[in-house]
Amino acid sequence: GFRDDIGAGWGNGGDGGGGGFGRIPAAMRKRCSAADRMRRLKQSGGTEACEEAVMKALRWFKTVQRRDGSWGGSHQVAQTGLVLLAYLGHCETPLSEEFGEAVTNGMVYLIENSVKNKGRLCTTRGDQHWVYEHGIATYALAEAYMFCRVLGLNIPNLKESVQLGVQWIIDNQNPSGGWDYSFNEGGRGGDMSITAWQLQALKAGYHTRLTFRNMPQCIGRALTYCEGRQNSNGGFGYTGTSPVGGGHFTLTGAGVLCFQQHKGTNHRAARKGMDYINRNARMSYKGGPCNLYEHYYVSQAAINHGGKSWLDYNDMFRDTLLSGQQGDGHFRAPPNPGPGNKNDPVYHTALATLMLEVYYRFLPGTGFGL
């Protein structure tokens, strides 16, 4: 059935730490106390260098935020969503002393975009990629809403933008169960990459405790779609059971995370996907391959799964990822980045930061990611 994995985390106070954040789902609360964060970081195989890198990146974002509150050279709605997720992943909220203004301005940029487009989040409506923007920005706004509600902050139109954003995803699902460019309901039936963002947004929407029509049915259909993309080798394909351009299944982490988030780490599709990842995951910021989009997902999937899978993966990714950071805090363009790479330092830095927050952003075993 549809999984309620918040458990007792919605009581007051909870298990220590986090100041006024006791009413945040237990899975997310550890990111909100510096002591808890460092404890989680060290328990999970992170180092102080990881935390320093995150802080440098968050400070760099402040220096490159545009005057309208957005980030990025193009597709600003998507990139602003990713940067906001990176701030929220470190529990930086509108009340944060160092980053509060940047967070608020980014949120307001997205909320105003929602109001202008009647709930549809996109930089340019004519661009078919707005389906990505809508999923990513809805995910970010839903997380932001959760924090703001707990903090007693009433940001005008935030709740409405989450309500409309999540409902739009549910109402514009392809009959295949997936989602496609421009939320097209005919055609090829969608792809695994687009679908994973919509499922992350739906999970965050679920955690807001707002009411949405037909959410469980929508998620059920989407997971059936995802299962249909899984190859017999455990990897997840793109539109079918084959990967984009080449032999490596770069969307496997995305597929695994979808099942972990909505069905738990023991779901057979998640476990089979992890077997593929254990055998095939590669990442090097020196010589490549270095597909940050792939590893944004794989890092979450691996820590959720835990055990030897995570230990081996952490050994492979942590230090090579840190080597990609430049003196000013941004991450340089990675070598051999794989299909669909967006060559923008904001994009690379946001994905890298989210990967370095994986140690404490969600608690494995209670939250299954978000």
Protein backbone atom coordinates (compact mmCIF):
# COMPACT_ATOMS: atom_id res chain seq x y z
CA GLY A 1 0.00 0.00 0.00
CA PHE A 2 0.84 3.66 -0.01
CA ARG A 3 3.57 4.18 2.49
CA ASP A 4 3.34 6.53 5.49
CA ASP A 5 6.94 6.61 6.62
CA ILE A 6 6.82 9.67 8.84
CA GLY A 7 5.85 7.64 11.88
CA ALA A 8 6.05 9.44 15.19
CA GLY A 9 8.23 12.21 13.78
CA TRP A 10 5.31 14.62 13.77
CA GLY A 11 5.09 14.84 17.56
CA ASN A 12 6.57 17.78 19.40
CA GLY A 13 10.24 17.68 20.20
CA GLY A 14 11.07 14.20 18.98
CA ASP A 15 14.49 12.75 19.69
CA GLY A 16 16.50 15.83 20.58
CA GLY A 17 18.31 18.37 18.47
CA GLY A 18 16.87 20.67 15.89
CA GLY A 19 15.64 23.46 18.15
CA GLY A 20 12.14 24.38 17.02
CA PHE A 21 12.16 21.74 14.32
CA GLY A 22 10.58 18.95 16.37
CA ARG A 23 7.52 18.84 14.12
CA ILE A 24 9.51 18.19 10.97
CA PRO A 25 9.42 14.53 9.85
CA ALA A 26 12.04 12.58 11.77
CA ALA A 27 13.72 11.72 8.48
CA MET A 28 14.56 15.38 7.87
CA ARG A 29 15.18 16.68 11.37
CA LYS A 30 18.85 15.73 11.72
CA ARG A 31 19.86 18.31 9.15
CA CYS A 32 18.62 21.08 11.47
CA SER A 33 21.09 20.82 14.33
CA ALA A 34 24.79 21.39 13.69
CA ALA A 35 25.72 18.77 16.29
CA ASP A 36 23.32 16.20 14.82
CA ARG A 37 24.59 17.01 11.35
CA MET A 38 28.24 16.40 12.26
CA ARG A 39 27.33 13.22 14.13
CA ARG A 40 25.41 11.86 11.14
CA LEU A 41 28.17 12.96 8.78
CA LYS A 42 30.83 11.04 10.70
CA GLN A 43 28.63 7.99 11.35
CA SER A 44 27.91 7.73 7.62
CA GLY A 45 31.50 8.08 6.40
CA GLY A 46 31.62 11.79 5.68
CA THR A 47 34.43 14.12 6.76
CA GLU A 48 34.72 17.71 7.93
CA ALA A 49 35.94 18.49 4.42
CA CYS A 50 32.46 17.53 3.15
CA GLU A 51 30.81 20.05 5.47
CA GLU A 52 33.35 22.75 4.56
CA ALA A 53 32.66 22.12 0.87
CA VAL A 54 28.90 22.46 1.42
CA MET A 55 29.38 25.78 3.22
CA LYS A 56 31.67 27.09 0.47
CA ALA A 57 29.09 26.14 -2.16
CA LEU A 58 26.19 27.74 -0.25
CA ARG A 59 28.24 30.93 0.07
CA TRP A 60 29.09 30.86 -3.65
CA PHE A 61 25.38 30.59 -4.52
CA LYS A 62 24.80 33.83 -2.61
CA THR A 63 27.34 35.63 -4.81
CA VAL A 64 25.75 34.50 -8.10
CA GLN A 65 22.05 34.91 -7.27
CA ARG A 66 20.37 37.13 -9.84
CA ARG A 67 18.58 40.32 -8.88
CA ASP A 68 15.17 38.71 -9.39
CA GLY A 69 16.06 35.97 -6.86
CA SER A 70 16.76 33.27 -9.44
CA TRP A 71 19.89 31.30 -10.26
CA GLY A 72 21.37 30.03 -13.51
CA GLY A 73 22.03 31.18 -17.05
CA SER A 74 18.98 29.40 -18.47
CA HIS A 75 16.08 27.28 -17.17
CA GLN A 76 16.19 29.46 -14.07
CA VAL A 77 13.06 27.88 -12.57
CA ALA A 78 14.72 24.45 -12.47
CA GLN A 79 18.10 25.75 -11.34
CA THR A 80 16.54 27.92 -8.63
CA GLY A 81 14.67 24.83 -7.44
CA LEU A 82 17.92 22.85 -7.22
CA VAL A 83 19.72 25.62 -5.32
CA LEU A 84 16.80 25.95 -2.89
CA LEU A 85 16.90 22.19 -2.29
CA ALA A 86 20.62 22.54 -1.51
CA TYR A 87 19.92 25.33 1.01
CA LEU A 88 17.02 23.45 2.58
CA GLY A 89 19.16 20.30 2.69
CA HIS A 90 21.38 22.18 5.13
CA CYS A 91 18.31 23.46 7.00
CA GLU A 92 18.84 27.00 5.71
CA THR A 93 15.40 28.64 5.83
CA PRO A 94 14.09 32.22 5.51
CA LEU A 95 15.13 32.64 9.17
CA SER A 96 18.74 31.56 8.57
CA GLU A 97 21.14 34.28 9.63
CA GLU A 98 23.64 33.85 6.81
CA PHE A 99 21.42 32.61 3.98
CA GLY A 100 17.88 33.65 4.92
CA GLU A 101 17.69 36.47 2.41
CA ALA A 102 18.96 34.31 -0.47
CA VAL A 103 16.49 31.54 0.44
CA THR A 104 13.55 33.95 0.72
CA ASN A 105 14.37 35.65 -2.59
CA GLY A 106 14.68 32.30 -4.37
CA MET A 107 11.35 31.14 -2.95
CA VAL A 108 9.62 34.38 -3.92
CA TYR A 109 10.99 34.07 -7.48
CA LEU A 110 9.40 30.61 -7.80
CA ILE A 111 6.14 31.62 -6.10
CA GLU A 112 5.76 34.63 -8.40
CA ASN A 113 6.42 32.36 -11.36
CA SER A 114 3.63 30.05 -10.17
CA VAL A 115 1.20 32.95 -9.74
CA LYS A 116 2.06 34.33 -13.19
CA ASN A 117 1.61 30.92 -14.86
CA LYS A 118 -1.47 29.82 -12.89
CA GLY A 119 0.36 27.10 -10.98
CA ARG A 120 2.65 25.93 -13.75
CA LEU A 121 6.30 26.45 -12.91
CA CYS A 122 8.42 27.21 -15.95
CA THR A 123 10.89 29.72 -17.35
CA THR A 124 9.54 29.54 -20.91
CA ARG A 125 6.22 27.85 -21.64
CA GLY A 126 7.18 27.02 -25.22
CA ASP A 127 10.17 24.96 -24.06
CA GLN A 128 9.16 21.30 -23.77
CA HIS A 129 11.66 20.85 -20.91
CA TRP A 130 9.38 22.80 -18.58
CA VAL A 131 8.12 19.44 -17.31
CA TYR A 132 11.51 19.11 -15.55
CA GLU A 133 11.31 22.64 -14.22
CA HIS A 134 7.85 22.09 -12.82
CA GLY A 135 8.84 18.87 -11.05
CA ILE A 136 12.05 20.26 -9.55
CA ALA A 137 10.53 23.59 -8.48
CA THR A 138 7.46 21.89 -6.99
CA TYR A 139 9.75 19.59 -5.00
CA ALA A 140 11.67 22.62 -3.68
CA LEU A 141 8.55 24.62 -2.80
CA ALA A 142 6.97 21.65 -1.02
CA GLU A 143 10.07 21.23 1.15
CA ALA A 144 10.15 24.99 1.77
CA TYR A 145 6.48 24.93 2.78
CA MET A 146 7.16 22.20 5.31
CA PHE A 147 9.88 24.24 7.00
CA CYS A 148 7.93 27.50 6.87
CA ARG A 149 4.85 25.91 8.37
CA VAL A 150 6.83 24.47 11.28
CA LEU A 151 8.52 27.84 11.83
CA GLY A 152 5.19 29.66 11.75
CA LEU A 153 6.18 31.65 8.66
CA ASN A 154 3.39 32.64 6.34
CA ILE A 155 4.93 33.34 2.93
CA PRO A 156 2.22 34.75 0.62
CA ASN A 157 1.05 32.24 -2.01
CA LEU A 158 3.54 29.54 -0.94
CA LYS A 159 0.84 27.10 0.14
CA GLU A 160 -1.18 27.77 -3.03
CA SER A 161 1.84 27.26 -5.29
CA VAL A 162 2.52 23.87 -3.65
CA GLN A 163 -1.15 22.90 -3.85
CA LEU A 164 -1.38 23.81 -7.54
CA GLY A 165 2.07 22.47 -8.46
CA VAL A 166 1.53 19.01 -7.00
CA GLN A 167 -2.03 18.74 -8.29
CA TRP A 168 -0.87 19.69 -11.80
CA ILE A 169 1.57 16.75 -11.75
CA ILE A 170 -1.18 14.35 -10.67
CA ASP A 171 -3.67 15.67 -13.22
CA ASN A 172 -1.23 15.61 -16.15
CA GLN A 173 0.20 12.12 -15.85
CA ASN A 174 0.56 10.26 -19.14
CA PRO A 175 -1.80 7.26 -19.54
CA SER A 176 1.40 5.14 -19.46
CA GLY A 177 1.87 6.11 -15.80
CA GLY A 178 4.95 8.18 -16.60
CA TRP A 179 5.33 11.84 -17.53
CA ASP A 180 6.54 13.32 -20.80
CA TYR A 181 7.92 16.55 -22.23
CA SER A 182 5.43 19.44 -21.99
CA PHE A 183 3.23 17.10 -19.91
CA ASN A 184 2.18 15.62 -23.27
CA GLU A 185 -0.45 12.94 -22.70
CA GLY A 186 0.02 11.18 -26.04
CA GLY A 187 3.20 10.26 -27.85
CA ARG A 188 5.96 8.09 -26.45
CA GLY A 189 4.50 7.91 -22.93
CA GLY A 190 7.26 9.69 -21.07
CA ASP A 191 10.68 8.67 -19.79
CA MET A 192 12.31 7.55 -16.56
CA SER A 193 14.27 10.77 -16.08
CA ILE A 194 11.25 13.10 -16.20
CA THR A 195 9.17 10.66 -14.16
CA ALA A 196 11.70 10.51 -11.29
CA TRP A 197 11.42 14.27 -10.69
CA GLN A 198 7.63 14.12 -10.61
CA LEU A 199 7.79 11.27 -8.09
CA GLN A 200 10.18 13.24 -5.87
CA ALA A 201 7.81 16.21 -6.00
CA LEU A 202 4.86 13.95 -5.14
CA LYS A 203 6.71 12.53 -2.14
CA ALA A 204 7.51 16.02 -0.88
CA GLY A 205 3.90 17.01 -1.53
CA TYR A 206 2.73 14.04 0.49
CA HIS A 207 4.92 15.10 3.42
CA THR A 208 3.30 18.57 3.47
CA ARG A 209 0.04 16.97 4.67
CA LEU A 210 -1.91 19.16 2.27
CA THR A 211 -4.82 17.46 0.53
CA PHE A 212 -4.44 16.37 -3.09
CA ARG A 213 -6.90 14.55 -5.31
CA ASN A 214 -5.94 11.06 -6.54
CA MET A 215 -2.38 11.07 -5.22
CA PRO A 216 -2.12 7.39 -4.15
CA GLN A 217 -3.57 6.17 -7.48
CA CYS A 218 -1.19 8.44 -9.40
CA ILE A 219 1.85 7.16 -7.48
CA GLY A 220 0.73 3.56 -7.95
CA ARG A 221 0.50 4.02 -11.73
CA ALA A 222 3.87 5.79 -11.80
CA LEU A 223 5.63 2.96 -9.96
CA THR A 224 4.11 0.43 -12.37
CA TYR A 225 5.54 2.58 -15.19
CA CYS A 226 8.97 2.59 -13.49
CA GLU A 227 8.91 -1.18 -13.09
CA GLY A 228 8.34 -1.44 -16.82
CA ARG A 229 11.60 0.46 -17.43
CA GLN A 230 13.72 -2.01 -15.45
CA ASN A 231 15.98 -4.28 -17.48
CA SER A 232 16.54 -7.91 -16.48
CA ASN A 233 20.08 -6.84 -15.46
CA GLY A 234 18.60 -4.54 -12.78
CA GLY A 235 19.36 -1.29 -14.58
CA PHE A 236 16.63 1.22 -15.39
CA GLY A 237 16.26 2.34 -18.99
CA TYR A 238 15.08 5.63 -20.49
CA THR A 239 11.85 5.27 -22.48
CA GLY A 240 12.05 1.49 -22.43
CA THR A 241 14.44 -0.98 -20.85
CA SER A 242 17.52 0.36 -22.67
CA PRO A 243 19.78 3.23 -21.57
CA VAL A 244 20.34 6.49 -23.45
CA GLY A 245 23.27 6.38 -25.86
CA GLY A 246 25.51 3.59 -24.70
CA GLY A 247 25.76 0.57 -22.52
CA HIS A 248 25.56 2.13 -19.05
CA PHE A 249 22.18 2.51 -17.33
CA THR A 250 22.61 6.04 -15.94
CA LEU A 251 19.03 6.24 -14.62
CA THR A 252 19.32 3.24 -12.29
CA GLY A 253 19.78 5.39 -9.19
CA ALA A 254 16.68 7.37 -10.19
CA GLY A 255 14.62 4.20 -10.50
CA VAL A 256 15.89 2.79 -7.22
CA LEU A 257 15.19 6.03 -5.34
CA CYS A 258 11.61 6.14 -6.64
CA PHE A 259 10.91 2.72 -5.12
CA GLN A 260 12.79 3.45 -1.89
CA GLN A 261 10.85 6.68 -1.38
CA HIS A 262 7.44 5.23 -2.02
CA LYS A 263 7.81 1.54 -1.11
CA GLY A 264 10.88 1.24 1.10
CA THR A 265 14.39 -0.12 0.61
CA ASN A 266 13.33 -3.77 0.54
CA HIS A 267 11.18 -3.50 -2.57
CA ARG A 268 12.42 -6.03 -5.12
CA ALA A 269 12.90 -3.41 -7.89
CA ALA A 270 15.02 -1.28 -5.53
CA ARG A 271 17.18 -4.23 -4.47
CA LYS A 272 17.65 -5.44 -8.04
CA GLY A 273 18.65 -1.92 -9.09
CA MET A 274 21.17 -1.73 -6.23
CA ASP A 275 22.75 -4.96 -7.46
CA TYR A 276 23.31 -3.24 -10.82
CA ILE A 277 24.75 -0.16 -9.09
CA ASN A 278 27.09 -2.27 -6.94
CA ARG A 279 28.49 -3.86 -10.09
CA ASN A 280 28.61 -0.86 -12.39
CA ALA A 281 28.73 2.55 -10.66
CA ARG A 282 31.78 4.60 -11.67
CA MET A 283 32.72 8.19 -10.93
CA SER A 284 35.94 10.17 -11.30
CA TYR A 285 36.24 13.96 -11.38
CA LYS A 286 39.73 13.54 -12.85
CA GLY A 287 39.29 11.36 -15.92
CA GLY A 288 35.55 10.67 -15.98
CA PRO A 289 32.98 9.33 -16.25
CA CYS A 290 31.52 11.96 -13.94
CA ASN A 291 27.77 12.10 -14.47
CA LEU A 292 26.56 14.30 -11.59
CA TYR A 293 22.92 13.83 -12.60
CA GLU A 294 23.30 10.05 -12.34
CA HIS A 295 25.08 10.28 -8.99
CA TYR A 296 22.65 12.77 -7.46
CA TYR A 297 20.35 9.74 -7.43
CA VAL A 298 22.89 6.98 -6.83
CA SER A 299 24.27 8.68 -3.70
CA GLN A 300 20.78 8.78 -2.16
CA ALA A 301 19.94 5.25 -3.26
CA ALA A 302 23.21 3.86 -1.86
CA ILE A 303 22.96 5.51 1.57
CA ASN A 304 19.31 4.47 1.87
CA HIS A 305 20.29 0.89 1.08
CA GLY A 306 23.22 1.05 3.51
CA GLY A 307 25.65 -1.73 4.36
CA LYS A 308 28.52 -2.67 2.06
CA SER A 309 26.82 -1.00 -0.93
CA TRP A 310 27.06 2.36 0.80
CA LEU A 311 30.57 1.85 2.21
CA ASP A 312 31.95 0.94 -1.21
CA TYR A 313 30.06 3.72 -2.97
CA ASN A 314 31.15 6.33 -0.42
CA ASP A 315 34.79 5.26 -0.87
CA MET A 316 34.42 5.77 -4.60
CA PHE A 317 32.55 9.08 -4.73
CA ARG A 318 33.39 11.23 -1.71
CA ASP A 319 36.94 12.38 -2.30
CA THR A 320 36.77 12.52 -6.08
CA LEU A 321 33.68 14.73 -5.81
CA LEU A 322 35.43 17.06 -3.35
CA SER A 323 38.29 17.44 -5.84
CA GLY A 324 35.90 19.10 -8.30
CA GLN A 325 35.34 22.14 -6.10
CA GLN A 326 37.15 25.35 -7.04
CA GLY A 327 38.55 27.98 -4.69
CA ASP A 328 35.48 30.21 -4.87
CA GLY A 329 33.16 27.32 -3.96
CA HIS A 330 31.69 26.31 -7.32
CA PHE A 331 32.24 22.89 -8.93
CA ARG A 332 33.97 22.81 -12.28
CA ALA A 333 32.45 21.18 -15.34
CA PRO A 334 32.90 17.42 -14.91
CA PRO A 335 34.72 15.29 -17.52
CA ASN A 336 32.63 12.87 -19.58
CA PRO A 337 29.36 13.99 -17.90
CA GLY A 338 27.04 11.70 -19.84
CA PRO A 339 23.84 12.38 -21.79
CA GLY A 340 21.79 15.52 -21.23
CA ASN A 341 24.42 17.40 -19.22
CA LYS A 342 23.68 21.08 -18.62
CA ASN A 343 26.89 23.06 -18.80
CA ASP A 344 26.20 25.65 -16.11
CA PRO A 345 28.27 26.03 -12.91
CA VAL A 346 25.08 26.59 -10.88
CA TYR A 347 23.75 23.22 -12.06
CA HIS A 348 26.98 21.33 -11.36
CA THR A 349 27.38 22.98 -7.96
CA ALA A 350 23.78 22.34 -6.89
CA LEU A 351 23.97 18.63 -7.75
CA ALA A 352 27.37 18.27 -6.06
CA THR A 353 26.12 20.06 -2.93
CA LEU A 354 23.05 17.83 -2.70
CA MET A 355 25.36 14.82 -2.99
CA LEU A 356 27.56 16.09 -0.15
CA GLU A 357 24.47 16.66 2.01
CA VAL A 358 23.43 13.04 1.53
CA TYR A 359 25.04 12.12 4.86
CA TYR A 360 22.39 13.97 6.87
CA ARG A 361 19.72 15.26 4.51
CA PHE A 362 17.44 12.30 5.18
CA LEU A 363 17.66 9.51 7.71
CA PRO A 364 17.85 6.11 6.04
CA GLY A 365 15.31 3.68 7.41
CA THR A 366 12.75 6.28 8.48
CA GLY A 367 12.34 8.68 5.61
CA PHE A 368 13.56 6.79 2.54
CA GLY A 369 14.59 10.09 1.06
CA LEU A 370 11.82 12.51 0.34
